N, C-alpha and C. Protein backbone atom coordinates (compact mmCIF):
# COMPACT_ATOMS: atom_id res chain seq x y z
N MET A 1 196.48 102.46 158.71
CA MET A 1 197.03 102.17 157.46
C MET A 1 195.93 102.28 156.37
N SER A 2 194.79 101.90 156.57
CA SER A 2 193.73 101.95 155.63
C SER A 2 193.27 103.35 155.27
N ASN A 3 193.52 104.32 156.16
CA ASN A 3 193.26 105.68 155.84
C ASN A 3 194.11 106.19 154.72
N ARG A 4 195.39 105.77 154.68
CA ARG A 4 196.32 106.21 153.68
C ARG A 4 195.85 105.92 152.30
N TYR A 5 195.22 104.73 152.05
CA TYR A 5 194.84 104.24 150.72
C TYR A 5 193.41 104.66 150.34
N SER A 6 192.64 105.15 151.25
CA SER A 6 191.27 105.51 150.89
C SER A 6 191.21 106.76 150.10
N SER A 7 192.20 107.72 150.17
CA SER A 7 192.14 108.92 149.30
C SER A 7 192.65 108.67 147.93
N GLN A 8 193.25 107.52 147.60
CA GLN A 8 193.73 107.30 146.21
C GLN A 8 192.68 106.60 145.45
N ARG A 9 192.39 107.14 144.25
CA ARG A 9 191.35 106.53 143.41
C ARG A 9 191.89 106.33 141.99
N GLY A 10 191.35 105.43 141.24
CA GLY A 10 191.69 105.23 139.89
C GLY A 10 190.63 105.69 138.98
N PHE A 11 190.75 105.32 137.71
CA PHE A 11 189.72 105.64 136.71
C PHE A 11 188.52 104.73 136.86
N THR A 12 187.30 105.23 136.64
CA THR A 12 186.22 104.41 136.62
C THR A 12 186.05 103.70 135.28
N LEU A 13 185.21 102.69 135.24
CA LEU A 13 185.03 101.90 134.04
C LEU A 13 184.47 102.79 132.91
N VAL A 14 183.57 103.75 133.29
CA VAL A 14 183.01 104.54 132.27
C VAL A 14 184.05 105.53 131.71
N GLU A 15 184.97 106.05 132.46
CA GLU A 15 185.98 106.93 131.95
C GLU A 15 186.92 106.15 131.00
N LEU A 16 187.27 104.93 131.40
CA LEU A 16 188.12 104.11 130.58
C LEU A 16 187.40 103.76 129.27
N THR A 17 186.18 103.50 129.27
CA THR A 17 185.47 103.16 128.13
C THR A 17 185.34 104.31 127.12
N ILE A 18 185.11 105.48 127.65
CA ILE A 18 185.10 106.72 126.85
C ILE A 18 186.47 106.98 126.14
N VAL A 19 187.56 106.81 126.81
CA VAL A 19 188.84 106.97 126.26
C VAL A 19 189.14 105.90 125.17
N ILE A 20 188.75 104.75 125.38
CA ILE A 20 188.91 103.67 124.44
C ILE A 20 188.10 103.91 123.15
N VAL A 21 186.87 104.41 123.31
CA VAL A 21 186.04 104.76 122.17
C VAL A 21 186.66 105.93 121.38
N ILE A 22 187.07 106.96 122.06
CA ILE A 22 187.77 108.03 121.33
C ILE A 22 188.96 107.62 120.59
N LEU A 23 189.78 106.79 121.24
CA LEU A 23 191.00 106.25 120.55
C LEU A 23 190.61 105.46 119.36
N ALA A 24 189.61 104.65 119.36
CA ALA A 24 189.13 103.80 118.23
C ALA A 24 188.64 104.67 117.17
N ILE A 25 187.92 105.74 117.38
CA ILE A 25 187.47 106.70 116.32
C ILE A 25 188.65 107.31 115.68
N LEU A 26 189.60 107.77 116.46
CA LEU A 26 190.81 108.47 115.91
C LEU A 26 191.67 107.50 115.03
N SER A 27 191.83 106.24 115.55
CA SER A 27 192.56 105.29 114.74
C SER A 27 191.88 104.90 113.47
N ALA A 28 190.55 104.76 113.49
CA ALA A 28 189.81 104.49 112.27
C ALA A 28 189.92 105.59 111.26
N TYR A 29 189.97 106.82 111.72
CA TYR A 29 190.18 107.96 110.81
C TYR A 29 191.53 107.98 110.27
N ALA A 30 192.54 107.74 111.04
CA ALA A 30 193.95 107.80 110.63
C ALA A 30 194.25 106.61 109.65
N ALA A 31 193.60 105.48 109.87
CA ALA A 31 193.78 104.30 109.00
C ALA A 31 193.13 104.60 107.63
N SER A 32 192.07 105.27 107.57
CA SER A 32 191.43 105.52 106.30
C SER A 32 192.21 106.52 105.53
N ARG A 33 193.06 107.38 106.15
CA ARG A 33 193.88 108.31 105.43
C ARG A 33 195.07 107.67 104.79
N PHE A 34 195.44 106.46 105.25
CA PHE A 34 196.68 105.78 104.72
C PHE A 34 196.31 104.67 103.82
N GLN A 35 195.04 104.46 103.51
CA GLN A 35 194.68 103.32 102.69
C GLN A 35 194.56 103.71 101.15
N GLY A 36 195.32 104.61 100.74
CA GLY A 36 195.37 104.99 99.32
C GLY A 36 194.81 106.41 99.09
N ALA A 37 194.64 106.72 97.89
CA ALA A 37 194.18 108.05 97.48
C ALA A 37 192.73 108.27 97.83
N SER A 38 192.44 109.51 98.25
CA SER A 38 191.07 109.84 98.53
C SER A 38 190.25 110.13 97.23
N SER A 39 189.01 110.27 97.38
CA SER A 39 188.16 110.59 96.28
C SER A 39 188.33 111.95 95.69
N PHE A 40 189.25 112.72 96.25
CA PHE A 40 189.49 114.11 95.78
C PHE A 40 190.54 114.15 94.71
N SER A 41 191.23 113.05 94.51
CA SER A 41 192.34 113.04 93.53
C SER A 41 191.96 113.44 92.10
N PRO A 42 190.81 112.88 91.56
CA PRO A 42 190.45 113.40 90.16
C PRO A 42 190.15 114.93 90.20
N TYR A 43 189.60 115.43 91.28
CA TYR A 43 189.29 116.83 91.36
C TYR A 43 190.59 117.69 91.50
N ALA A 44 191.52 117.14 92.27
CA ALA A 44 192.83 117.82 92.26
C ALA A 44 193.52 117.84 90.94
N ALA A 45 193.39 116.78 90.19
CA ALA A 45 193.92 116.70 88.83
C ALA A 45 193.12 117.69 87.94
N GLN A 46 191.87 117.82 88.11
CA GLN A 46 191.05 118.75 87.28
C GLN A 46 191.49 120.17 87.54
N THR A 47 191.71 120.57 88.76
CA THR A 47 192.06 121.89 89.09
C THR A 47 193.48 122.17 88.49
N GLN A 48 194.35 121.19 88.61
CA GLN A 48 195.69 121.33 88.08
C GLN A 48 195.67 121.43 86.52
N ALA A 49 194.84 120.61 85.93
CA ALA A 49 194.69 120.69 84.47
C ALA A 49 194.21 122.04 84.00
N ILE A 50 193.22 122.59 84.61
CA ILE A 50 192.74 123.92 84.26
C ILE A 50 193.82 124.95 84.41
N SER A 51 194.65 124.85 85.41
CA SER A 51 195.80 125.73 85.68
C SER A 51 196.85 125.56 84.51
N VAL A 52 197.14 124.33 84.19
CA VAL A 52 198.19 124.11 83.10
C VAL A 52 197.63 124.63 81.74
N ILE A 53 196.43 124.38 81.44
CA ILE A 53 195.87 124.81 80.19
C ILE A 53 195.88 126.34 80.16
N ARG A 54 195.48 127.02 81.21
CA ARG A 54 195.48 128.46 81.20
C ARG A 54 196.94 129.02 81.11
N GLN A 55 197.85 128.30 81.70
CA GLN A 55 199.29 128.72 81.61
C GLN A 55 199.73 128.70 80.20
N ILE A 56 199.39 127.65 79.45
CA ILE A 56 199.79 127.50 78.10
C ILE A 56 199.08 128.52 77.21
N GLN A 57 197.77 128.76 77.49
CA GLN A 57 197.03 129.79 76.78
C GLN A 57 197.70 131.17 76.91
N LEU A 58 198.01 131.52 78.18
CA LEU A 58 198.56 132.85 78.50
C LEU A 58 199.89 133.04 77.78
N ALA A 59 200.71 131.96 77.78
CA ALA A 59 201.99 132.05 77.11
C ALA A 59 201.79 132.31 75.60
N ARG A 60 200.79 131.66 74.99
CA ARG A 60 200.50 131.83 73.59
C ARG A 60 200.06 133.23 73.29
N MET A 61 199.14 133.72 74.18
CA MET A 61 198.58 135.07 73.99
C MET A 61 199.61 136.09 74.08
N GLN A 62 200.72 135.92 74.86
CA GLN A 62 201.74 136.86 75.03
C GLN A 62 202.78 136.83 73.97
N SER A 63 202.75 135.74 73.10
CA SER A 63 203.70 135.67 72.08
C SER A 63 203.16 136.51 70.91
N ASN A 64 204.10 136.77 69.98
CA ASN A 64 203.68 137.58 68.77
C ASN A 64 203.78 136.67 67.47
N MET A 65 203.79 135.43 67.66
CA MET A 65 203.86 134.53 66.47
C MET A 65 202.60 134.49 65.76
N PRO A 66 202.60 134.43 64.44
CA PRO A 66 201.37 134.37 63.71
C PRO A 66 200.72 132.95 63.85
N ASP A 67 199.38 132.90 63.71
CA ASP A 67 198.63 131.59 63.88
C ASP A 67 199.14 130.65 62.78
N GLY A 68 199.13 129.39 63.23
CA GLY A 68 199.45 128.33 62.23
C GLY A 68 200.91 127.92 62.31
N GLU A 69 201.81 128.65 63.03
CA GLU A 69 203.12 128.26 63.12
C GLU A 69 203.18 127.16 64.25
N ASP A 70 203.93 126.08 63.95
CA ASP A 70 203.96 124.96 64.81
C ASP A 70 205.09 125.16 65.86
N ASN A 71 204.71 125.73 67.00
CA ASN A 71 205.70 125.98 68.11
C ASN A 71 205.19 125.09 69.26
N PRO A 72 205.92 124.06 69.57
CA PRO A 72 205.42 123.20 70.77
C PRO A 72 205.39 123.88 72.08
N GLN A 73 206.06 125.00 72.20
CA GLN A 73 206.03 125.76 73.45
C GLN A 73 204.65 126.27 73.84
N TYR A 74 203.87 126.48 72.78
CA TYR A 74 202.52 127.00 73.00
C TYR A 74 201.42 126.01 72.66
N GLN A 75 201.69 124.76 72.78
CA GLN A 75 200.70 123.65 72.54
C GLN A 75 200.38 122.93 73.86
N LEU A 76 199.18 122.46 73.92
CA LEU A 76 198.78 121.56 74.97
C LEU A 76 198.86 120.08 74.42
N HIS A 77 199.78 119.28 75.03
CA HIS A 77 199.98 117.91 74.57
C HIS A 77 199.14 117.00 75.46
N ILE A 78 198.39 116.06 74.81
CA ILE A 78 197.53 115.24 75.51
C ILE A 78 197.79 113.83 75.04
N THR A 79 198.29 112.89 75.91
CA THR A 79 198.37 111.54 75.59
C THR A 79 197.56 110.71 76.65
N GLY A 80 197.63 109.41 76.58
CA GLY A 80 196.90 108.57 77.59
C GLY A 80 197.40 108.73 79.06
N THR A 81 198.62 109.18 79.16
CA THR A 81 199.29 109.27 80.47
C THR A 81 199.81 110.66 80.84
N CYS A 82 199.61 111.65 79.85
CA CYS A 82 200.15 112.95 80.16
C CYS A 82 199.30 114.07 79.63
N LEU A 83 199.16 115.17 80.38
CA LEU A 83 198.50 116.34 79.92
C LEU A 83 199.38 117.47 80.34
N GLY A 84 199.88 118.25 79.37
CA GLY A 84 200.78 119.37 79.72
C GLY A 84 201.50 119.85 78.46
N SER A 85 202.57 120.60 78.64
CA SER A 85 203.35 120.99 77.49
C SER A 85 204.09 119.81 76.94
N PRO A 86 204.46 119.79 75.60
CA PRO A 86 205.19 118.63 75.09
C PRO A 86 206.47 118.45 75.77
N ALA A 87 207.20 119.50 76.19
CA ALA A 87 208.50 119.38 76.83
C ALA A 87 208.25 118.70 78.20
N ALA A 88 207.27 119.12 78.92
CA ALA A 88 206.98 118.45 80.24
C ALA A 88 206.64 117.02 80.12
N CYS A 89 205.84 116.70 79.08
CA CYS A 89 205.45 115.27 78.93
C CYS A 89 206.58 114.35 78.55
N SER A 90 207.64 114.98 77.89
CA SER A 90 208.74 114.22 77.49
C SER A 90 209.81 114.13 78.56
N GLY A 91 209.50 114.91 79.69
CA GLY A 91 210.47 114.88 80.80
C GLY A 91 211.55 115.91 80.73
N ASN A 92 211.45 116.90 79.78
CA ASN A 92 212.54 117.84 79.66
C ASN A 92 212.26 119.18 80.29
N GLU A 93 211.10 119.31 81.00
CA GLU A 93 210.77 120.57 81.54
C GLU A 93 210.21 120.36 83.03
N SER A 94 210.02 121.43 83.76
CA SER A 94 209.60 121.34 85.08
C SER A 94 208.20 120.75 85.13
N LEU A 95 207.77 120.23 86.25
CA LEU A 95 206.47 119.57 86.34
C LEU A 95 205.34 120.61 86.54
N SER A 96 205.62 121.86 86.58
CA SER A 96 204.59 122.84 86.74
C SER A 96 203.71 123.00 85.55
N SER A 97 204.28 122.50 84.43
CA SER A 97 203.43 122.59 83.15
C SER A 97 202.98 121.20 82.80
N LYS A 98 202.73 120.37 83.81
CA LYS A 98 202.23 119.02 83.54
C LYS A 98 201.28 118.59 84.72
N VAL A 99 200.20 117.88 84.45
CA VAL A 99 199.31 117.49 85.46
C VAL A 99 199.91 116.22 86.14
N GLN A 100 200.08 116.26 87.44
CA GLN A 100 200.60 115.10 88.15
C GLN A 100 200.10 115.23 89.62
N VAL A 101 199.52 114.15 90.10
CA VAL A 101 198.99 114.07 91.50
C VAL A 101 199.82 112.98 92.07
N ASP A 102 200.51 113.28 93.22
CA ASP A 102 201.32 112.33 93.83
C ASP A 102 200.60 111.00 94.19
N GLY A 103 201.18 109.90 93.83
CA GLY A 103 200.62 108.59 94.22
C GLY A 103 199.44 108.18 93.32
N GLN A 104 199.16 108.93 92.27
CA GLN A 104 197.98 108.61 91.39
C GLN A 104 198.38 108.18 90.05
N ASP A 105 197.75 107.22 89.54
CA ASP A 105 197.86 106.79 88.14
C ASP A 105 196.71 107.38 87.37
N LEU A 106 197.02 108.50 86.63
CA LEU A 106 196.06 109.19 85.87
C LEU A 106 196.05 108.91 84.47
N SER A 107 194.90 108.90 83.76
CA SER A 107 194.84 108.74 82.33
C SER A 107 193.93 109.89 81.80
N PHE A 108 194.25 110.24 80.52
CA PHE A 108 193.61 111.37 79.89
C PHE A 108 193.11 111.02 78.56
N THR A 109 191.86 111.44 78.22
CA THR A 109 191.33 111.27 76.88
C THR A 109 190.73 112.61 76.41
N VAL A 110 190.75 112.87 75.17
CA VAL A 110 190.26 114.18 74.66
C VAL A 110 189.23 113.87 73.49
N THR A 111 188.22 114.65 73.49
CA THR A 111 187.17 114.50 72.41
C THR A 111 187.07 115.90 71.83
N PRO A 112 187.26 116.12 70.44
CA PRO A 112 187.60 115.15 69.48
C PRO A 112 189.13 114.68 69.72
N ASN A 113 189.40 113.48 69.19
CA ASN A 113 190.72 112.83 69.47
C ASN A 113 191.80 113.62 68.74
N VAL A 114 192.65 114.29 69.53
CA VAL A 114 193.88 114.91 68.90
C VAL A 114 195.00 114.78 69.95
N ALA A 115 196.21 114.91 69.44
CA ALA A 115 197.36 114.76 70.36
C ALA A 115 197.80 116.09 70.90
N ASP A 116 197.65 117.20 70.07
CA ASP A 116 198.05 118.50 70.48
C ASP A 116 196.94 119.50 70.25
N ILE A 117 196.72 120.45 71.14
CA ILE A 117 195.79 121.51 70.94
C ILE A 117 196.67 122.85 70.85
N GLN A 118 196.43 123.56 69.82
CA GLN A 118 197.12 124.84 69.66
C GLN A 118 196.09 125.95 69.88
N PHE A 119 196.59 127.15 70.31
CA PHE A 119 195.72 128.22 70.57
C PHE A 119 196.12 129.40 69.66
N ASP A 120 195.11 130.27 69.35
CA ASP A 120 195.42 131.52 68.58
C ASP A 120 195.89 132.58 69.55
N LEU A 121 196.07 133.79 68.99
CA LEU A 121 196.52 134.92 69.92
C LEU A 121 195.45 135.42 70.90
N LEU A 122 194.24 134.97 70.72
CA LEU A 122 193.17 135.35 71.63
C LEU A 122 192.97 134.22 72.68
N GLY A 123 193.70 133.19 72.60
CA GLY A 123 193.51 132.05 73.54
C GLY A 123 192.48 131.03 73.12
N ARG A 124 191.94 131.13 71.88
CA ARG A 124 191.01 130.14 71.35
C ARG A 124 191.65 128.98 70.79
N PRO A 125 191.00 127.82 70.94
CA PRO A 125 191.65 126.61 70.38
C PRO A 125 191.56 126.54 68.87
N LEU A 126 192.59 126.13 68.26
CA LEU A 126 192.60 125.95 66.78
C LEU A 126 192.20 124.50 66.54
N PRO A 127 191.74 124.11 65.31
CA PRO A 127 191.66 125.01 64.14
C PRO A 127 190.38 125.84 64.20
N LEU A 128 190.46 127.04 63.70
CA LEU A 128 189.33 127.89 63.54
C LEU A 128 188.73 127.67 62.20
N THR A 129 187.47 127.62 62.13
CA THR A 129 186.77 127.40 60.87
C THR A 129 185.78 128.50 60.56
N PRO A 130 185.70 129.00 59.38
CA PRO A 130 184.75 130.05 59.11
C PRO A 130 183.30 129.52 59.12
N SER A 131 182.40 130.24 59.78
CA SER A 131 181.01 129.79 59.87
C SER A 131 180.08 131.06 59.68
N GLY A 132 179.70 131.21 58.46
CA GLY A 132 178.80 132.38 58.23
C GLY A 132 179.68 133.66 58.25
N ASN A 133 179.33 134.64 59.05
CA ASN A 133 179.98 135.92 59.09
C ASN A 133 180.98 135.90 60.26
N SER A 134 180.93 134.94 61.11
CA SER A 134 181.84 134.90 62.23
C SER A 134 182.77 133.72 62.22
N THR A 135 183.80 133.77 63.02
CA THR A 135 184.71 132.67 63.17
C THR A 135 184.50 131.92 64.41
N THR A 136 184.36 130.64 64.30
CA THR A 136 184.13 129.80 65.50
C THR A 136 185.28 128.78 65.55
N GLY A 137 185.48 128.25 66.71
CA GLY A 137 186.57 127.27 66.91
C GLY A 137 185.95 125.88 67.34
N THR A 138 186.79 125.03 67.62
CA THR A 138 186.45 123.71 68.04
C THR A 138 186.49 123.70 69.56
N GLN A 139 185.58 122.97 70.17
CA GLN A 139 185.67 122.79 71.64
C GLN A 139 186.14 121.43 71.94
N TYR A 140 186.91 121.31 73.09
CA TYR A 140 187.57 120.04 73.37
C TYR A 140 187.08 119.66 74.85
N GLN A 141 186.76 118.37 74.98
CA GLN A 141 186.45 117.88 76.32
C GLN A 141 187.52 116.90 76.70
N ILE A 142 188.17 117.15 77.84
CA ILE A 142 189.22 116.30 78.35
C ILE A 142 188.66 115.52 79.53
N THR A 143 188.80 114.21 79.47
CA THR A 143 188.39 113.33 80.64
C THR A 143 189.59 112.89 81.37
N ILE A 144 189.55 113.04 82.67
CA ILE A 144 190.64 112.63 83.54
C ILE A 144 190.15 111.46 84.48
N LYS A 145 190.85 110.36 84.36
CA LYS A 145 190.50 109.28 85.20
C LYS A 145 191.63 108.94 86.20
N ALA A 146 191.25 108.71 87.46
CA ALA A 146 192.19 108.34 88.49
C ALA A 146 192.01 106.82 88.68
N LYS A 147 193.04 106.00 88.37
CA LYS A 147 192.90 104.58 88.59
C LYS A 147 193.35 104.28 90.00
N GLY A 148 192.66 103.36 90.54
CA GLY A 148 192.91 102.86 91.89
C GLY A 148 191.90 101.71 92.21
N ASN A 149 191.53 101.69 93.46
CA ASN A 149 190.49 100.74 93.89
C ASN A 149 189.14 101.08 93.15
N ASN A 150 188.79 102.36 93.03
CA ASN A 150 187.64 102.75 92.32
C ASN A 150 188.10 103.75 91.23
N VAL A 151 187.63 103.51 90.03
CA VAL A 151 188.04 104.31 88.91
C VAL A 151 187.06 105.54 88.96
N GLU A 152 187.65 106.70 89.18
CA GLU A 152 186.95 107.97 89.29
C GLU A 152 187.33 108.83 88.19
N SER A 153 186.44 109.62 87.66
CA SER A 153 186.72 110.52 86.56
C SER A 153 186.02 111.90 86.66
N THR A 154 186.60 112.82 85.96
CA THR A 154 186.03 114.18 85.95
C THR A 154 186.49 114.72 84.56
N THR A 155 185.85 115.89 84.19
CA THR A 155 186.13 116.48 82.92
C THR A 155 186.61 117.91 82.94
N VAL A 156 187.26 118.38 81.95
CA VAL A 156 187.62 119.77 81.74
C VAL A 156 187.18 120.10 80.29
N CYS A 157 186.55 121.18 80.13
CA CYS A 157 186.09 121.61 78.79
C CYS A 157 186.82 122.95 78.36
N ILE A 158 187.31 122.88 77.10
CA ILE A 158 187.87 124.10 76.52
C ILE A 158 186.85 124.47 75.47
N ASN A 159 186.08 125.51 75.63
CA ASN A 159 185.09 125.84 74.66
C ASN A 159 185.69 126.60 73.47
N SER A 160 184.88 126.87 72.46
CA SER A 160 185.35 127.42 71.22
C SER A 160 185.98 128.82 71.41
N GLU A 161 185.62 129.50 72.43
CA GLU A 161 186.20 130.86 72.71
C GLU A 161 187.36 130.78 73.62
N GLY A 162 187.79 129.58 74.06
CA GLY A 162 188.99 129.51 74.86
C GLY A 162 188.75 129.48 76.34
N PHE A 163 187.47 129.52 76.80
CA PHE A 163 187.14 129.42 78.24
C PHE A 163 187.33 128.03 78.73
N VAL A 164 188.08 127.85 79.74
CA VAL A 164 188.44 126.55 80.38
C VAL A 164 187.65 126.40 81.66
N SER A 165 186.87 125.34 81.76
CA SER A 165 186.07 125.12 82.97
C SER A 165 186.00 123.62 83.33
N GLY A 166 185.63 123.35 84.55
CA GLY A 166 185.55 121.99 85.03
C GLY A 166 184.23 121.35 84.89
N VAL A 167 183.52 121.69 83.85
CA VAL A 167 182.27 121.02 83.58
C VAL A 167 182.24 120.45 82.16
N GLU A 168 181.26 119.57 81.96
CA GLU A 168 181.16 118.96 80.61
C GLU A 168 180.88 119.94 79.57
N CYS A 169 181.38 119.80 78.32
CA CYS A 169 181.09 120.66 77.24
C CYS A 169 179.66 120.45 76.76
N GLN A 170 179.02 121.55 76.35
CA GLN A 170 177.60 121.56 75.96
C GLN A 170 177.54 121.48 74.40
């Protein structure tokens, strides 16, 4: 009878310890993923903001309206809680023209402080002011803050020629 049980073996203590350590590492990683937003949220909002701004610029560049006409369809609306088209910020349009990251409380500030940014037919931000022999525009710096356990922020710059980038304005 003892021969029958001698061929059966269980796991060794070392094997069990290795499995428990692997499970602990996996559970720690999974728990960190469910403890709120990651540090990439402001950067996801930054990428989305650049896309929304370029979308509004392109729509304005494809229109044939003269500069100075107040058409909200071609404006970038910026409030403390919304960055996008005026219609999207008021809830009347699809969310593709508004910056929104799931589960995040985002805030937006712009320097210089304006509520709406308009673009000319070349995609440059208005108002354009004469400077010597050339025409130059105003550059805008938008700060995006993700509120949570840690307040993290990033910036988007619209320079005077309409180039939109994820760096601070110079």
